[in-house]
């Protein structure tokens, strides 16, 4: 079960760190004084336009924030109620989830065509697989 908890924690840390690129882009676009002053004048009606990659990074982060609760729920449930025999499988699928989400964030931010949805679906499959192990 150590693997399960490792990837659960790693996914949480990934989620926390995923805001960093678009916040750095916001600092670059707004300037440090405006950023530290909270918001530019007339925000959000007249928000300075961030680069497209930063907008994609923000959407990737929000997508992870939306997906993480389901991952946490099925992972903890599986770890608590599944027999020890399925511990390795839960660990495997937890690793699949983490690496799929890491790839999804990079692919989404870089705007690589045709790979964003498949990487998301792999992470979604991992959540369903862990849930199936918990319910089996």
N, C-alpha and C. Protein backbone atom coordinates (compact mmCIF):
# COMPACT_ATOMS: atom_id res chain seq x y z
N UNK A 1 0.80 -1.21 0.00
CA UNK A 1 0.00 0.00 0.00
C UNK A 1 0.85 1.27 0.00
N UNK A 2 2.14 1.14 0.27
CA UNK A 2 3.00 2.33 0.26
C UNK A 2 2.98 3.01 -1.10
N UNK A 3 2.94 2.23 -2.17
CA UNK A 3 2.89 2.78 -3.52
C UNK A 3 1.62 3.60 -3.73
N UNK A 4 0.52 3.08 -3.22
CA UNK A 4 -0.76 3.78 -3.34
C UNK A 4 -0.67 5.15 -2.68
N UNK A 5 -0.19 5.17 -1.46
CA UNK A 5 -0.12 6.44 -0.73
C UNK A 5 0.93 7.38 -1.32
N UNK A 6 2.00 6.82 -1.86
CA UNK A 6 3.00 7.66 -2.52
C UNK A 6 2.37 8.41 -3.69
N UNK A 7 1.65 7.68 -4.57
CA UNK A 7 1.08 8.34 -5.74
C UNK A 7 -0.12 9.21 -5.38
N UNK A 8 -0.79 8.91 -4.31
CA UNK A 8 -1.85 9.79 -3.83
C UNK A 8 -1.23 11.12 -3.39
N UNK A 9 -0.15 11.05 -2.62
CA UNK A 9 0.54 12.27 -2.18
C UNK A 9 1.17 13.01 -3.37
N UNK A 10 1.78 12.27 -4.27
CA UNK A 10 2.41 12.89 -5.45
C UNK A 10 1.37 13.60 -6.31
N UNK A 11 0.18 13.03 -6.42
CA UNK A 11 -0.89 13.68 -7.19
C UNK A 11 -1.34 14.96 -6.52
N UNK A 12 -1.40 14.96 -5.20
CA UNK A 12 -1.73 16.17 -4.47
C UNK A 12 -0.69 17.26 -4.67
N UNK A 13 0.58 16.88 -4.58
CA UNK A 13 1.67 17.85 -4.79
C UNK A 13 1.65 18.37 -6.22
N UNK A 14 1.42 17.49 -7.18
CA UNK A 14 1.32 17.91 -8.58
C UNK A 14 0.22 18.95 -8.74
N UNK A 15 -0.92 18.70 -8.13
CA UNK A 15 -2.04 19.64 -8.22
C UNK A 15 -1.66 21.01 -7.66
N UNK A 16 -0.99 21.01 -6.53
CA UNK A 16 -0.58 22.27 -5.91
C UNK A 16 0.43 23.02 -6.79
N UNK A 17 1.32 22.28 -7.44
CA UNK A 17 2.36 22.93 -8.25
C UNK A 17 1.90 23.35 -9.64
N UNK A 18 0.79 22.80 -10.09
CA UNK A 18 0.34 23.09 -11.46
C UNK A 18 -0.08 24.54 -11.67
N UNK A 19 -0.33 25.29 -10.62
CA UNK A 19 -0.70 26.69 -10.79
C UNK A 19 0.53 27.55 -11.08
N UNK A 20 1.71 27.06 -10.79
CA UNK A 20 2.93 27.86 -10.90
C UNK A 20 3.16 28.46 -12.29
N UNK A 21 3.07 27.71 -13.39
CA UNK A 21 3.34 28.33 -14.69
C UNK A 21 2.41 29.50 -15.02
N UNK A 22 1.11 29.35 -14.79
CA UNK A 22 0.24 30.44 -15.18
C UNK A 22 0.32 31.61 -14.22
N UNK A 23 0.70 31.38 -12.99
CA UNK A 23 0.92 32.51 -12.07
C UNK A 23 2.18 33.27 -12.48
N UNK A 24 3.23 32.56 -12.88
CA UNK A 24 4.44 33.24 -13.36
C UNK A 24 4.15 34.03 -14.64
N UNK A 25 3.33 33.49 -15.51
CA UNK A 25 2.94 34.23 -16.72
C UNK A 25 2.14 35.46 -16.34
N UNK A 26 1.27 35.35 -15.36
CA UNK A 26 0.49 36.51 -14.90
C UNK A 26 1.41 37.60 -14.36
N UNK A 27 2.43 37.20 -13.60
CA UNK A 27 3.40 38.18 -13.08
C UNK A 27 4.11 38.86 -14.24
N UNK A 28 4.49 38.08 -15.26
CA UNK A 28 5.19 38.65 -16.41
C UNK A 28 4.31 39.62 -17.18
N UNK A 29 3.03 39.30 -17.32
CA UNK A 29 2.11 40.15 -18.10
C UNK A 29 1.66 41.37 -17.29
N UNK A 30 1.31 41.15 -16.05
CA UNK A 30 0.78 42.25 -15.22
C UNK A 30 1.88 43.12 -14.65
N UNK A 31 3.06 42.54 -14.42
CA UNK A 31 4.12 43.22 -13.71
C UNK A 31 3.99 42.94 -12.22
N UNK A 32 5.10 42.96 -11.54
CA UNK A 32 5.12 42.63 -10.12
C UNK A 32 4.28 43.59 -9.28
N UNK A 33 4.37 44.91 -9.48
CA UNK A 33 3.55 45.80 -8.63
C UNK A 33 2.05 45.53 -8.75
N UNK A 34 1.57 45.34 -9.96
CA UNK A 34 0.14 45.07 -10.15
C UNK A 34 -0.24 43.72 -9.56
N UNK A 35 0.62 42.73 -9.76
CA UNK A 35 0.35 41.40 -9.21
C UNK A 35 0.27 41.46 -7.69
N UNK A 36 1.20 42.15 -7.08
CA UNK A 36 1.21 42.25 -5.62
C UNK A 36 0.07 43.12 -5.09
N UNK A 37 -0.47 43.98 -5.94
CA UNK A 37 -1.58 44.84 -5.56
C UNK A 37 -2.92 44.11 -5.67
N UNK A 38 -2.89 42.85 -5.98
CA UNK A 38 -4.04 41.96 -6.07
C UNK A 38 -4.57 41.86 -7.49
N UNK A 39 -5.14 42.90 -8.05
CA UNK A 39 -5.70 42.84 -9.39
C UNK A 39 -5.45 44.15 -10.12
N UNK A 40 -5.35 44.08 -11.45
CA UNK A 40 -5.23 45.32 -12.21
C UNK A 40 -6.55 46.10 -12.16
N UNK A 41 -6.47 47.34 -12.52
CA UNK A 41 -7.65 48.21 -12.53
C UNK A 41 -8.71 47.63 -13.47
N UNK A 42 -9.97 47.65 -13.03
CA UNK A 42 -11.13 47.15 -13.76
C UNK A 42 -11.09 45.64 -14.03
N UNK A 43 -10.39 44.91 -13.17
CA UNK A 43 -10.37 43.45 -13.29
C UNK A 43 -11.72 42.91 -12.86
N UNK A 44 -12.32 41.95 -13.50
CA UNK A 44 -11.84 41.15 -14.61
C UNK A 44 -12.30 41.67 -15.97
N UNK A 45 -13.03 42.78 -15.99
CA UNK A 45 -13.53 43.29 -17.27
C UNK A 45 -12.40 43.60 -18.24
N UNK A 46 -11.30 44.11 -17.72
CA UNK A 46 -10.16 44.47 -18.58
C UNK A 46 -8.91 43.75 -18.10
N UNK A 47 -8.96 42.46 -18.07
CA UNK A 47 -7.80 41.69 -17.65
C UNK A 47 -6.75 41.67 -18.74
N UNK A 48 -5.49 41.96 -18.40
CA UNK A 48 -4.43 41.81 -19.41
C UNK A 48 -4.40 40.38 -19.95
N UNK A 49 -4.27 40.23 -21.24
CA UNK A 49 -4.35 38.92 -21.88
C UNK A 49 -3.09 38.10 -21.62
N UNK A 50 -3.23 36.96 -20.93
CA UNK A 50 -2.06 36.10 -20.73
C UNK A 50 -1.75 35.32 -22.02
N UNK A 51 -0.53 34.83 -22.14
CA UNK A 51 -0.20 34.02 -23.32
C UNK A 51 -1.10 32.79 -23.39
N UNK A 52 -1.28 32.27 -24.59
CA UNK A 52 -2.16 31.12 -24.80
C UNK A 52 -1.70 29.91 -24.00
N UNK A 53 -0.40 29.69 -23.92
CA UNK A 53 0.10 28.54 -23.16
C UNK A 53 -0.28 28.67 -21.69
N UNK A 54 -0.28 29.88 -21.16
CA UNK A 54 -0.65 30.08 -19.75
C UNK A 54 -2.14 29.84 -19.54
N UNK A 55 -2.94 30.22 -20.52
CA UNK A 55 -4.38 29.93 -20.43
C UNK A 55 -4.62 28.42 -20.44
N UNK A 56 -3.88 27.70 -21.27
CA UNK A 56 -4.02 26.25 -21.31
C UNK A 56 -3.52 25.62 -20.00
N UNK A 57 -2.43 26.15 -19.44
CA UNK A 57 -1.92 25.64 -18.16
C UNK A 57 -2.96 25.82 -17.06
N UNK A 58 -3.64 26.95 -17.08
CA UNK A 58 -4.68 27.20 -16.07
C UNK A 58 -5.82 26.21 -16.23
N UNK A 59 -6.23 25.94 -17.46
CA UNK A 59 -7.31 24.97 -17.69
C UNK A 59 -6.88 23.56 -17.30
N UNK A 60 -5.62 23.22 -17.53
CA UNK A 60 -5.13 21.90 -17.13
C UNK A 60 -5.17 21.77 -15.61
N UNK A 61 -4.78 22.84 -14.92
CA UNK A 61 -4.82 22.83 -13.46
C UNK A 61 -6.26 22.69 -12.95
N UNK A 62 -7.16 23.47 -13.52
CA UNK A 62 -8.57 23.37 -13.10
C UNK A 62 -9.13 21.99 -13.37
N UNK A 63 -8.73 21.37 -14.48
CA UNK A 63 -9.18 20.02 -14.79
C UNK A 63 -8.67 19.04 -13.74
N UNK A 64 -7.44 19.21 -13.30
CA UNK A 64 -6.89 18.34 -12.26
C UNK A 64 -7.62 18.55 -10.95
N UNK A 65 -7.93 19.80 -10.62
CA UNK A 65 -8.67 20.09 -9.39
C UNK A 65 -10.05 19.42 -9.42
N UNK A 66 -10.65 19.35 -10.59
CA UNK A 66 -11.96 18.71 -10.72
C UNK A 66 -11.86 17.18 -10.65
N UNK A 67 -10.76 16.62 -11.10
CA UNK A 67 -10.61 15.17 -11.17
C UNK A 67 -10.05 14.58 -9.88
N UNK A 68 -9.25 15.34 -9.16
CA UNK A 68 -8.56 14.82 -7.98
C UNK A 68 -9.51 14.27 -6.91
N UNK A 69 -10.65 14.89 -6.61
CA UNK A 69 -11.52 14.32 -5.57
C UNK A 69 -11.98 12.89 -5.88
N UNK A 70 -12.28 12.60 -7.12
CA UNK A 70 -12.68 11.23 -7.47
C UNK A 70 -11.52 10.28 -7.27
N UNK A 71 -10.32 10.69 -7.65
CA UNK A 71 -9.14 9.85 -7.45
C UNK A 71 -8.90 9.59 -5.96
N UNK A 72 -9.00 10.63 -5.16
CA UNK A 72 -8.80 10.48 -3.71
C UNK A 72 -9.84 9.52 -3.14
N UNK A 73 -11.10 9.72 -3.52
CA UNK A 73 -12.17 8.90 -2.96
C UNK A 73 -11.99 7.42 -3.28
N UNK A 74 -11.74 7.10 -4.55
CA UNK A 74 -11.62 5.67 -4.90
C UNK A 74 -10.33 5.07 -4.35
N UNK A 75 -9.28 5.86 -4.32
CA UNK A 75 -8.00 5.35 -3.82
C UNK A 75 -8.09 5.03 -2.33
N UNK A 76 -8.62 5.96 -1.56
CA UNK A 76 -8.75 5.70 -0.12
C UNK A 76 -9.72 4.57 0.16
N UNK A 77 -10.83 4.54 -0.57
CA UNK A 77 -11.79 3.45 -0.37
C UNK A 77 -11.15 2.10 -0.70
N UNK A 78 -10.46 2.04 -1.82
CA UNK A 78 -9.81 0.78 -2.21
C UNK A 78 -8.75 0.37 -1.20
N UNK A 79 -7.97 1.34 -0.73
CA UNK A 79 -6.93 1.03 0.24
C UNK A 79 -7.51 0.55 1.57
N UNK A 80 -8.68 1.05 1.92
CA UNK A 80 -9.29 0.67 3.19
C UNK A 80 -10.10 -0.63 3.13
N UNK A 81 -10.78 -0.87 2.02
CA UNK A 81 -11.68 -2.03 2.00
C UNK A 81 -11.23 -3.17 1.11
N UNK A 82 -10.30 -2.92 0.20
CA UNK A 82 -9.86 -4.00 -0.70
C UNK A 82 -8.89 -4.90 0.04
N UNK A 83 -8.92 -6.19 -0.26
CA UNK A 83 -7.97 -7.10 0.38
C UNK A 83 -6.54 -6.78 -0.04
N UNK A 84 -5.60 -7.23 0.76
CA UNK A 84 -4.18 -6.97 0.47
C UNK A 84 -3.76 -7.52 -0.88
N UNK A 85 -4.44 -8.51 -1.36
CA UNK A 85 -4.09 -9.11 -2.66
C UNK A 85 -4.22 -8.11 -3.80
N UNK A 86 -5.07 -7.09 -3.64
CA UNK A 86 -5.24 -6.11 -4.71
C UNK A 86 -4.39 -4.86 -4.49
N UNK A 87 -3.60 -4.84 -3.43
CA UNK A 87 -2.77 -3.66 -3.13
C UNK A 87 -1.83 -3.29 -4.26
N UNK A 88 -1.21 -4.30 -4.87
CA UNK A 88 -0.28 -4.02 -5.98
C UNK A 88 -1.03 -3.45 -7.17
N UNK A 89 -2.24 -3.95 -7.43
CA UNK A 89 -3.02 -3.43 -8.56
C UNK A 89 -3.46 -1.99 -8.30
N UNK A 90 -3.83 -1.70 -7.08
CA UNK A 90 -4.22 -0.32 -6.73
C UNK A 90 -3.01 0.60 -6.90
N UNK A 91 -1.85 0.14 -6.45
CA UNK A 91 -0.62 0.92 -6.63
C UNK A 91 -0.30 1.15 -8.09
N UNK A 92 -0.48 0.11 -8.89
CA UNK A 92 -0.24 0.23 -10.34
C UNK A 92 -1.15 1.30 -10.94
N UNK A 93 -2.44 1.22 -10.66
CA UNK A 93 -3.38 2.17 -11.25
C UNK A 93 -3.20 3.58 -10.68
N UNK A 94 -2.73 3.68 -9.45
CA UNK A 94 -2.42 5.01 -8.89
C UNK A 94 -1.25 5.65 -9.64
N UNK A 95 -0.25 4.83 -9.96
CA UNK A 95 0.88 5.32 -10.75
C UNK A 95 0.44 5.72 -12.15
N UNK A 96 -0.43 4.90 -12.75
CA UNK A 96 -0.95 5.23 -14.08
C UNK A 96 -1.67 6.58 -14.03
N UNK A 97 -2.50 6.79 -13.01
CA UNK A 97 -3.21 8.06 -12.86
C UNK A 97 -2.22 9.22 -12.79
N UNK A 98 -1.23 9.10 -11.90
CA UNK A 98 -0.28 10.19 -11.70
C UNK A 98 0.46 10.53 -12.99
N UNK A 99 1.01 9.53 -13.66
CA UNK A 99 1.79 9.81 -14.86
C UNK A 99 0.91 10.28 -16.02
N UNK A 100 -0.31 9.79 -16.08
CA UNK A 100 -1.24 10.29 -17.11
C UNK A 100 -1.56 11.76 -16.85
N UNK A 101 -1.75 12.13 -15.59
CA UNK A 101 -2.06 13.53 -15.28
C UNK A 101 -0.84 14.43 -15.50
N UNK A 102 0.33 13.93 -15.22
CA UNK A 102 1.56 14.69 -15.49
C UNK A 102 1.69 14.92 -16.99
N UNK A 103 1.48 13.87 -17.76
CA UNK A 103 1.54 14.00 -19.23
C UNK A 103 0.43 14.93 -19.73
N UNK A 104 -0.76 14.79 -19.17
CA UNK A 104 -1.89 15.64 -19.57
C UNK A 104 -1.56 17.11 -19.36
N UNK A 105 -0.99 17.45 -18.21
CA UNK A 105 -0.64 18.84 -17.92
C UNK A 105 0.37 19.37 -18.94
N UNK A 106 1.40 18.58 -19.23
CA UNK A 106 2.42 19.02 -20.19
C UNK A 106 1.83 19.14 -21.59
N UNK A 107 1.06 18.15 -22.00
CA UNK A 107 0.47 18.15 -23.35
C UNK A 107 -0.51 19.29 -23.51
N UNK A 108 -1.34 19.51 -22.50
CA UNK A 108 -2.33 20.58 -22.55
C UNK A 108 -1.63 21.94 -22.61
N UNK A 109 -0.65 22.15 -21.75
CA UNK A 109 0.06 23.43 -21.70
C UNK A 109 0.79 23.71 -23.01
N UNK A 110 1.43 22.69 -23.57
CA UNK A 110 2.17 22.87 -24.82
C UNK A 110 1.27 22.90 -26.05
N UNK A 111 0.02 22.52 -25.89
CA UNK A 111 -0.92 22.55 -27.01
C UNK A 111 -0.64 21.49 -28.06
N UNK A 112 -0.17 20.32 -27.63
CA UNK A 112 0.13 19.24 -28.56
C UNK A 112 -1.21 18.64 -29.04
N UNK A 113 -1.46 18.67 -30.33
CA UNK A 113 -2.75 18.19 -30.83
C UNK A 113 -2.92 16.68 -30.68
N UNK A 114 -4.16 16.27 -30.52
CA UNK A 114 -4.60 14.87 -30.52
C UNK A 114 -4.16 14.04 -29.32
N UNK A 115 -3.45 14.60 -28.36
CA UNK A 115 -2.99 13.80 -27.22
C UNK A 115 -3.66 14.18 -25.90
N UNK A 116 -4.23 15.37 -25.84
CA UNK A 116 -4.81 15.84 -24.59
C UNK A 116 -5.93 14.91 -24.11
N UNK A 117 -6.90 14.64 -24.95
CA UNK A 117 -8.03 13.81 -24.56
C UNK A 117 -7.61 12.37 -24.24
N UNK A 118 -6.77 11.73 -25.06
CA UNK A 118 -6.35 10.37 -24.69
C UNK A 118 -5.64 10.30 -23.34
N UNK A 119 -4.79 11.27 -23.02
CA UNK A 119 -4.12 11.21 -21.72
C UNK A 119 -5.12 11.42 -20.58
N UNK A 120 -6.11 12.28 -20.81
CA UNK A 120 -7.16 12.45 -19.80
C UNK A 120 -7.92 11.14 -19.63
N UNK A 121 -8.25 10.48 -20.73
CA UNK A 121 -9.01 9.24 -20.67
C UNK A 121 -8.23 8.13 -19.96
N UNK A 122 -6.92 8.12 -20.09
CA UNK A 122 -6.11 7.13 -19.37
C UNK A 122 -6.24 7.38 -17.86
N UNK A 123 -6.19 8.63 -17.44
CA UNK A 123 -6.34 8.92 -16.00
C UNK A 123 -7.75 8.57 -15.53
N UNK A 124 -8.72 8.80 -16.37
CA UNK A 124 -10.11 8.46 -16.06
C UNK A 124 -10.26 6.95 -15.93
N UNK A 125 -9.63 6.20 -16.84
CA UNK A 125 -9.65 4.74 -16.77
C UNK A 125 -9.01 4.25 -15.47
N UNK A 126 -7.93 4.89 -15.06
CA UNK A 126 -7.26 4.51 -13.82
C UNK A 126 -8.19 4.69 -12.62
N UNK A 127 -8.93 5.78 -12.59
CA UNK A 127 -9.88 6.01 -11.50
C UNK A 127 -10.94 4.91 -11.50
N UNK A 128 -11.47 4.59 -12.67
CA UNK A 128 -12.49 3.53 -12.76
C UNK A 128 -11.92 2.17 -12.35
N UNK A 129 -10.70 1.88 -12.72
CA UNK A 129 -10.07 0.61 -12.36
C UNK A 129 -9.89 0.51 -10.85
N UNK A 130 -9.45 1.59 -10.23
CA UNK A 130 -9.29 1.57 -8.77
C UNK A 130 -10.67 1.42 -8.11
N UNK A 131 -11.65 2.12 -8.63
CA UNK A 131 -13.00 1.99 -8.10
C UNK A 131 -13.52 0.57 -8.22
N UNK A 132 -13.25 -0.07 -9.35
CA UNK A 132 -13.68 -1.46 -9.53
C UNK A 132 -12.99 -2.39 -8.54
N UNK A 133 -11.72 -2.12 -8.25
CA UNK A 133 -11.02 -2.93 -7.25
C UNK A 133 -11.63 -2.74 -5.86
N UNK A 134 -12.05 -1.53 -5.58
CA UNK A 134 -12.67 -1.26 -4.27
C UNK A 134 -14.02 -1.93 -4.15
N UNK A 135 -14.75 -1.99 -5.24
CA UNK A 135 -16.10 -2.54 -5.20
C UNK A 135 -16.17 -4.05 -5.44
N UNK A 136 -15.05 -4.62 -5.85
CA UNK A 136 -15.03 -6.07 -6.15
C UNK A 136 -15.10 -6.92 -4.90
